[in-house]
Amino acid sequence: MKNDDDKPVLGVDWEYDNDGSHIPLTDKARNYSKFVFEESDEPELTDDEYVLKANKNIYIQVSDKYIVNKWVEKEEASYHIGEFNSLDDAFKKAIEIDNQSEQRVD
C-alpha cells in the first residue's frame, strides 16, 4: 500500500474555515476533495480506493502505484486507464476521463 505523502497538507494545501470546513489553497487540495476514500474491508484480497464523487464509475486503486480504472455498467467491465506514481497525477487523469465522458454524446 502507498504511504500518505501525496495527501494535501494542512497549512500548505488547505486551511480550516471558521465553520470547520476545508478551504483548498492548491490544485492538489481541490482535486483531493473531489474523491471519497474507501478503505478495503479485506486488505488481503482487495485494495483501498479513491472514488470520484461526480462519477462513481471512475476510481483509483491504491497499491504499489495509483491505478485509474473506469467501470462501464452496460459492458459489466472495468477498464484500466493508467498507472501513476503520484496520487495527484492519478486524480488529474481520473478527472480528465470524467470530463471526456461528459463531452461525448452517445
N, C-alpha and C. Protein backbone atom coordinates (compact mmCIF):
# COMPACT_ATOMS: atom_id res chain seq x y z
N MET A 1 0.83 -1.18 0.00
CA MET A 1 0.00 0.00 0.00
C MET A 1 0.88 1.25 0.00
N LYS A 2 0.43 2.31 -0.65
CA LYS A 2 1.19 3.56 -0.73
C LYS A 2 1.14 4.28 0.61
N ASN A 3 2.13 5.14 0.81
CA ASN A 3 2.07 5.97 2.01
C ASN A 3 1.23 7.22 1.71
N ASP A 4 1.13 8.11 2.67
CA ASP A 4 0.26 9.27 2.55
C ASP A 4 0.98 10.53 2.11
N ASP A 5 2.16 10.42 1.49
CA ASP A 5 2.94 11.59 1.11
C ASP A 5 2.22 12.47 0.09
N ASP A 6 1.31 11.91 -0.70
CA ASP A 6 0.63 12.69 -1.72
C ASP A 6 -0.62 13.40 -1.22
N LYS A 7 -1.00 13.17 0.02
CA LYS A 7 -2.20 13.82 0.55
C LYS A 7 -1.91 15.30 0.79
N PRO A 8 -2.93 16.15 0.60
CA PRO A 8 -2.74 17.59 0.87
C PRO A 8 -2.37 17.83 2.34
N VAL A 9 -1.53 18.82 2.56
CA VAL A 9 -1.01 19.12 3.89
C VAL A 9 -1.69 20.37 4.44
N LEU A 10 -2.18 20.28 5.68
CA LEU A 10 -2.78 21.42 6.35
C LEU A 10 -1.77 22.55 6.44
N GLY A 11 -2.19 23.75 6.08
CA GLY A 11 -1.31 24.92 6.13
C GLY A 11 -0.53 25.14 4.85
N VAL A 12 -0.43 24.12 4.04
CA VAL A 12 0.26 24.24 2.76
C VAL A 12 -0.75 24.16 1.62
N ASP A 13 -1.54 23.10 1.61
CA ASP A 13 -2.52 22.87 0.54
C ASP A 13 -3.94 23.29 0.92
N TRP A 14 -4.23 23.34 2.20
CA TRP A 14 -5.58 23.71 2.64
C TRP A 14 -5.56 24.25 4.05
N GLU A 15 -6.63 24.97 4.39
CA GLU A 15 -6.83 25.51 5.73
C GLU A 15 -8.25 25.19 6.18
N TYR A 16 -8.51 25.31 7.48
CA TYR A 16 -9.87 25.19 8.00
C TYR A 16 -10.57 26.54 7.89
N ASP A 17 -11.85 26.51 7.52
CA ASP A 17 -12.69 27.69 7.56
C ASP A 17 -13.23 27.83 8.98
N ASN A 18 -13.89 28.96 9.29
CA ASN A 18 -14.45 29.18 10.63
C ASN A 18 -15.46 28.12 11.02
N ASP A 19 -16.18 27.56 10.04
CA ASP A 19 -17.19 26.54 10.34
C ASP A 19 -16.63 25.12 10.36
N GLY A 20 -15.32 24.98 10.21
CA GLY A 20 -14.68 23.67 10.25
C GLY A 20 -14.53 23.01 8.89
N SER A 21 -15.08 23.63 7.86
CA SER A 21 -14.93 23.06 6.52
C SER A 21 -13.52 23.36 5.99
N HIS A 22 -13.17 22.71 4.91
CA HIS A 22 -11.84 22.88 4.34
C HIS A 22 -11.84 23.95 3.25
N ILE A 23 -10.81 24.75 3.23
CA ILE A 23 -10.60 25.73 2.17
C ILE A 23 -9.39 25.26 1.37
N PRO A 24 -9.59 24.79 0.12
CA PRO A 24 -8.43 24.36 -0.67
C PRO A 24 -7.60 25.56 -1.12
N LEU A 25 -6.30 25.44 -0.99
CA LEU A 25 -5.39 26.51 -1.39
C LEU A 25 -4.64 26.16 -2.68
N THR A 26 -4.61 24.89 -3.03
CA THR A 26 -3.86 24.44 -4.20
C THR A 26 -4.72 23.49 -5.03
N ASP A 27 -4.29 23.25 -6.27
CA ASP A 27 -4.99 22.28 -7.12
C ASP A 27 -4.98 20.90 -6.48
N LYS A 28 -3.91 20.57 -5.81
CA LYS A 28 -3.80 19.27 -5.13
C LYS A 28 -4.97 19.10 -4.15
N ALA A 29 -5.24 20.10 -3.35
CA ALA A 29 -6.33 20.03 -2.38
C ALA A 29 -7.69 20.06 -3.07
N ARG A 30 -7.82 20.86 -4.13
CA ARG A 30 -9.10 20.91 -4.86
C ARG A 30 -9.40 19.55 -5.48
N ASN A 31 -8.41 18.91 -6.07
CA ASN A 31 -8.61 17.59 -6.66
C ASN A 31 -8.92 16.55 -5.59
N TYR A 32 -8.21 16.61 -4.47
CA TYR A 32 -8.40 15.64 -3.39
C TYR A 32 -9.84 15.67 -2.88
N SER A 33 -10.42 16.86 -2.82
CA SER A 33 -11.78 17.00 -2.28
C SER A 33 -12.84 16.45 -3.23
N LYS A 34 -12.47 16.11 -4.44
CA LYS A 34 -13.42 15.56 -5.42
C LYS A 34 -13.57 14.04 -5.31
N PHE A 35 -12.84 13.44 -4.38
CA PHE A 35 -12.83 11.98 -4.23
C PHE A 35 -13.21 11.57 -2.81
N VAL A 36 -13.71 10.35 -2.70
CA VAL A 36 -14.01 9.74 -1.40
C VAL A 36 -13.07 8.55 -1.25
N PHE A 37 -12.39 8.48 -0.11
CA PHE A 37 -11.51 7.35 0.16
C PHE A 37 -12.33 6.21 0.72
N GLU A 38 -12.18 5.02 0.13
CA GLU A 38 -12.88 3.83 0.61
C GLU A 38 -11.83 2.79 1.00
N GLU A 39 -11.74 2.57 2.29
CA GLU A 39 -10.78 1.59 2.81
C GLU A 39 -11.30 0.18 2.58
N SER A 40 -10.43 -0.68 2.14
CA SER A 40 -10.79 -2.08 1.91
C SER A 40 -11.16 -2.75 3.23
N ASP A 41 -12.25 -3.53 3.20
CA ASP A 41 -12.60 -4.30 4.39
C ASP A 41 -11.92 -5.67 4.39
N GLU A 42 -11.25 -5.98 3.26
CA GLU A 42 -10.47 -7.22 3.15
C GLU A 42 -9.13 -6.91 2.48
N PRO A 43 -8.19 -6.30 3.22
CA PRO A 43 -6.92 -5.86 2.64
C PRO A 43 -6.09 -6.95 1.97
N GLU A 44 -6.30 -8.21 2.37
CA GLU A 44 -5.55 -9.30 1.74
C GLU A 44 -6.08 -9.60 0.35
N LEU A 45 -7.34 -9.20 0.07
CA LEU A 45 -7.98 -9.52 -1.20
C LEU A 45 -8.20 -8.32 -2.11
N THR A 46 -8.52 -7.17 -1.54
CA THR A 46 -8.82 -6.00 -2.36
C THR A 46 -8.04 -4.79 -1.87
N ASP A 47 -7.85 -3.84 -2.76
CA ASP A 47 -7.10 -2.62 -2.45
C ASP A 47 -8.04 -1.51 -1.97
N ASP A 48 -7.47 -0.57 -1.25
CA ASP A 48 -8.20 0.66 -0.93
C ASP A 48 -8.44 1.40 -2.24
N GLU A 49 -9.42 2.31 -2.24
CA GLU A 49 -9.75 3.05 -3.46
C GLU A 49 -10.13 4.49 -3.14
N TYR A 50 -9.88 5.36 -4.10
CA TYR A 50 -10.44 6.70 -4.11
C TYR A 50 -11.47 6.71 -5.22
N VAL A 51 -12.72 7.08 -4.89
CA VAL A 51 -13.81 7.06 -5.85
C VAL A 51 -14.19 8.51 -6.16
N LEU A 52 -14.31 8.82 -7.44
CA LEU A 52 -14.69 10.17 -7.86
C LEU A 52 -16.13 10.44 -7.45
N LYS A 53 -16.36 11.51 -6.71
CA LYS A 53 -17.70 11.83 -6.21
C LYS A 53 -18.68 12.08 -7.36
N ALA A 54 -18.24 12.75 -8.42
CA ALA A 54 -19.11 13.12 -9.53
C ALA A 54 -19.46 11.95 -10.43
N ASN A 55 -18.64 10.88 -10.40
CA ASN A 55 -18.87 9.72 -11.26
C ASN A 55 -18.28 8.51 -10.56
N LYS A 56 -19.10 7.79 -9.84
CA LYS A 56 -18.63 6.67 -9.02
C LYS A 56 -18.09 5.49 -9.85
N ASN A 57 -18.22 5.58 -11.17
CA ASN A 57 -17.66 4.54 -12.04
C ASN A 57 -16.18 4.76 -12.32
N ILE A 58 -15.64 5.88 -11.88
CA ILE A 58 -14.21 6.17 -12.05
C ILE A 58 -13.57 6.13 -10.66
N TYR A 59 -12.55 5.28 -10.54
CA TYR A 59 -11.93 5.10 -9.23
C TYR A 59 -10.44 4.85 -9.38
N ILE A 60 -9.73 5.07 -8.28
CA ILE A 60 -8.28 4.90 -8.23
C ILE A 60 -7.97 3.82 -7.20
N GLN A 61 -7.38 2.75 -7.68
CA GLN A 61 -6.94 1.64 -6.83
C GLN A 61 -5.61 2.02 -6.21
N VAL A 62 -5.46 1.80 -4.90
CA VAL A 62 -4.23 2.14 -4.19
C VAL A 62 -3.46 0.85 -3.94
N SER A 63 -2.33 0.68 -4.64
CA SER A 63 -1.46 -0.48 -4.41
C SER A 63 -0.03 0.05 -4.41
N ASP A 64 0.91 -0.61 -5.09
CA ASP A 64 2.26 -0.06 -5.14
C ASP A 64 2.31 1.18 -6.03
N LYS A 65 1.28 1.37 -6.86
CA LYS A 65 1.07 2.58 -7.66
C LYS A 65 -0.39 2.98 -7.50
N TYR A 66 -0.75 4.10 -8.09
CA TYR A 66 -2.14 4.54 -8.11
C TYR A 66 -2.70 4.19 -9.48
N ILE A 67 -3.72 3.34 -9.52
CA ILE A 67 -4.22 2.79 -10.77
C ILE A 67 -5.62 3.33 -11.04
N VAL A 68 -5.77 4.07 -12.15
CA VAL A 68 -7.06 4.64 -12.52
C VAL A 68 -7.83 3.63 -13.35
N ASN A 69 -9.08 3.39 -12.95
CA ASN A 69 -9.96 2.45 -13.64
C ASN A 69 -11.31 3.11 -13.90
N LYS A 70 -12.01 2.58 -14.89
CA LYS A 70 -13.36 3.05 -15.18
C LYS A 70 -14.27 1.84 -15.37
N TRP A 71 -15.36 1.79 -14.61
CA TRP A 71 -16.35 0.73 -14.72
C TRP A 71 -17.38 1.16 -15.76
N VAL A 72 -17.68 0.26 -16.72
CA VAL A 72 -18.70 0.51 -17.73
C VAL A 72 -19.83 -0.47 -17.47
N GLU A 73 -20.92 0.06 -16.96
CA GLU A 73 -22.04 -0.77 -16.48
C GLU A 73 -22.62 -1.64 -17.59
N LYS A 74 -22.90 -1.04 -18.77
CA LYS A 74 -23.58 -1.82 -19.82
C LYS A 74 -22.71 -2.96 -20.35
N GLU A 75 -21.39 -2.87 -20.15
CA GLU A 75 -20.49 -3.95 -20.56
C GLU A 75 -20.11 -4.84 -19.38
N GLU A 76 -20.50 -4.42 -18.19
CA GLU A 76 -20.14 -5.11 -16.96
C GLU A 76 -18.64 -5.41 -16.92
N ALA A 77 -17.87 -4.34 -17.19
CA ALA A 77 -16.42 -4.49 -17.24
C ALA A 77 -15.74 -3.25 -16.68
N SER A 78 -14.58 -3.47 -16.10
CA SER A 78 -13.76 -2.38 -15.61
C SER A 78 -12.55 -2.24 -16.52
N TYR A 79 -12.25 -1.01 -16.94
CA TYR A 79 -11.15 -0.77 -17.86
C TYR A 79 -10.01 -0.04 -17.15
N HIS A 80 -8.80 -0.54 -17.36
CA HIS A 80 -7.59 0.03 -16.81
C HIS A 80 -7.24 1.26 -17.65
N ILE A 81 -7.17 2.43 -17.02
CA ILE A 81 -6.86 3.68 -17.73
C ILE A 81 -5.37 3.99 -17.66
N GLY A 82 -4.76 3.80 -16.50
CA GLY A 82 -3.33 4.08 -16.37
C GLY A 82 -2.84 3.91 -14.95
N GLU A 83 -1.51 3.84 -14.81
CA GLU A 83 -0.85 3.71 -13.52
C GLU A 83 0.00 4.94 -13.28
N PHE A 84 0.00 5.43 -12.04
CA PHE A 84 0.71 6.66 -11.72
C PHE A 84 1.48 6.50 -10.42
N ASN A 85 2.62 7.17 -10.34
CA ASN A 85 3.43 7.15 -9.12
C ASN A 85 2.89 8.09 -8.06
N SER A 86 2.19 9.15 -8.49
CA SER A 86 1.66 10.10 -7.52
C SER A 86 0.14 10.09 -7.53
N LEU A 87 -0.43 10.28 -6.36
CA LEU A 87 -1.88 10.33 -6.22
C LEU A 87 -2.44 11.54 -6.97
N ASP A 88 -1.73 12.65 -6.92
CA ASP A 88 -2.19 13.85 -7.61
C ASP A 88 -2.30 13.62 -9.12
N ASP A 89 -1.33 12.95 -9.72
CA ASP A 89 -1.39 12.65 -11.16
C ASP A 89 -2.57 11.72 -11.47
N ALA A 90 -2.83 10.76 -10.59
CA ALA A 90 -3.97 9.86 -10.78
C ALA A 90 -5.28 10.63 -10.67
N PHE A 91 -5.37 11.56 -9.70
CA PHE A 91 -6.56 12.40 -9.58
C PHE A 91 -6.81 13.16 -10.87
N LYS A 92 -5.76 13.78 -11.39
CA LYS A 92 -5.89 14.58 -12.61
C LYS A 92 -6.39 13.73 -13.78
N LYS A 93 -5.86 12.53 -13.93
CA LYS A 93 -6.27 11.64 -15.02
C LYS A 93 -7.72 11.21 -14.85
N ALA A 94 -8.12 10.86 -13.64
CA ALA A 94 -9.50 10.44 -13.38
C ALA A 94 -10.48 11.57 -13.70
N ILE A 95 -10.14 12.78 -13.31
CA ILE A 95 -10.99 13.94 -13.60
C ILE A 95 -11.05 14.19 -15.10
N GLU A 96 -9.92 14.06 -15.78
CA GLU A 96 -9.87 14.22 -17.23
C GLU A 96 -10.78 13.20 -17.93
N ILE A 97 -10.73 11.95 -17.50
CA ILE A 97 -11.57 10.89 -18.08
C ILE A 97 -13.05 11.22 -17.86
N ASP A 98 -13.38 11.70 -16.68
CA ASP A 98 -14.77 12.06 -16.40
C ASP A 98 -15.21 13.22 -17.31
N ASN A 99 -14.36 14.21 -17.49
CA ASN A 99 -14.69 15.35 -18.35
C ASN A 99 -14.90 14.89 -19.80
N GLN A 100 -14.08 13.96 -20.26
CA GLN A 100 -14.25 13.42 -21.62
C GLN A 100 -15.56 12.66 -21.75
N SER A 101 -15.95 11.95 -20.71
CA SER A 101 -17.21 11.19 -20.71
C SER A 101 -18.40 12.14 -20.83
N GLU A 102 -18.33 13.28 -20.14
CA GLU A 102 -19.41 14.25 -20.16
C GLU A 102 -19.55 14.92 -21.52
N GLN A 103 -18.43 15.12 -22.21
CA GLN A 103 -18.46 15.80 -23.51
C GLN A 103 -18.93 14.90 -24.64
N ARG A 104 -18.76 13.60 -24.49
CA ARG A 104 -19.12 12.65 -25.53
C ARG A 104 -20.64 12.45 -25.54
N VAL A 105 -21.20 12.44 -26.70
CA VAL A 105 -22.63 12.19 -26.86
C VAL A 105 -22.81 10.80 -27.42
N ASP A 106 -23.52 9.94 -26.67
CA ASP A 106 -23.73 8.56 -27.12
C ASP A 106 -25.02 8.42 -27.88
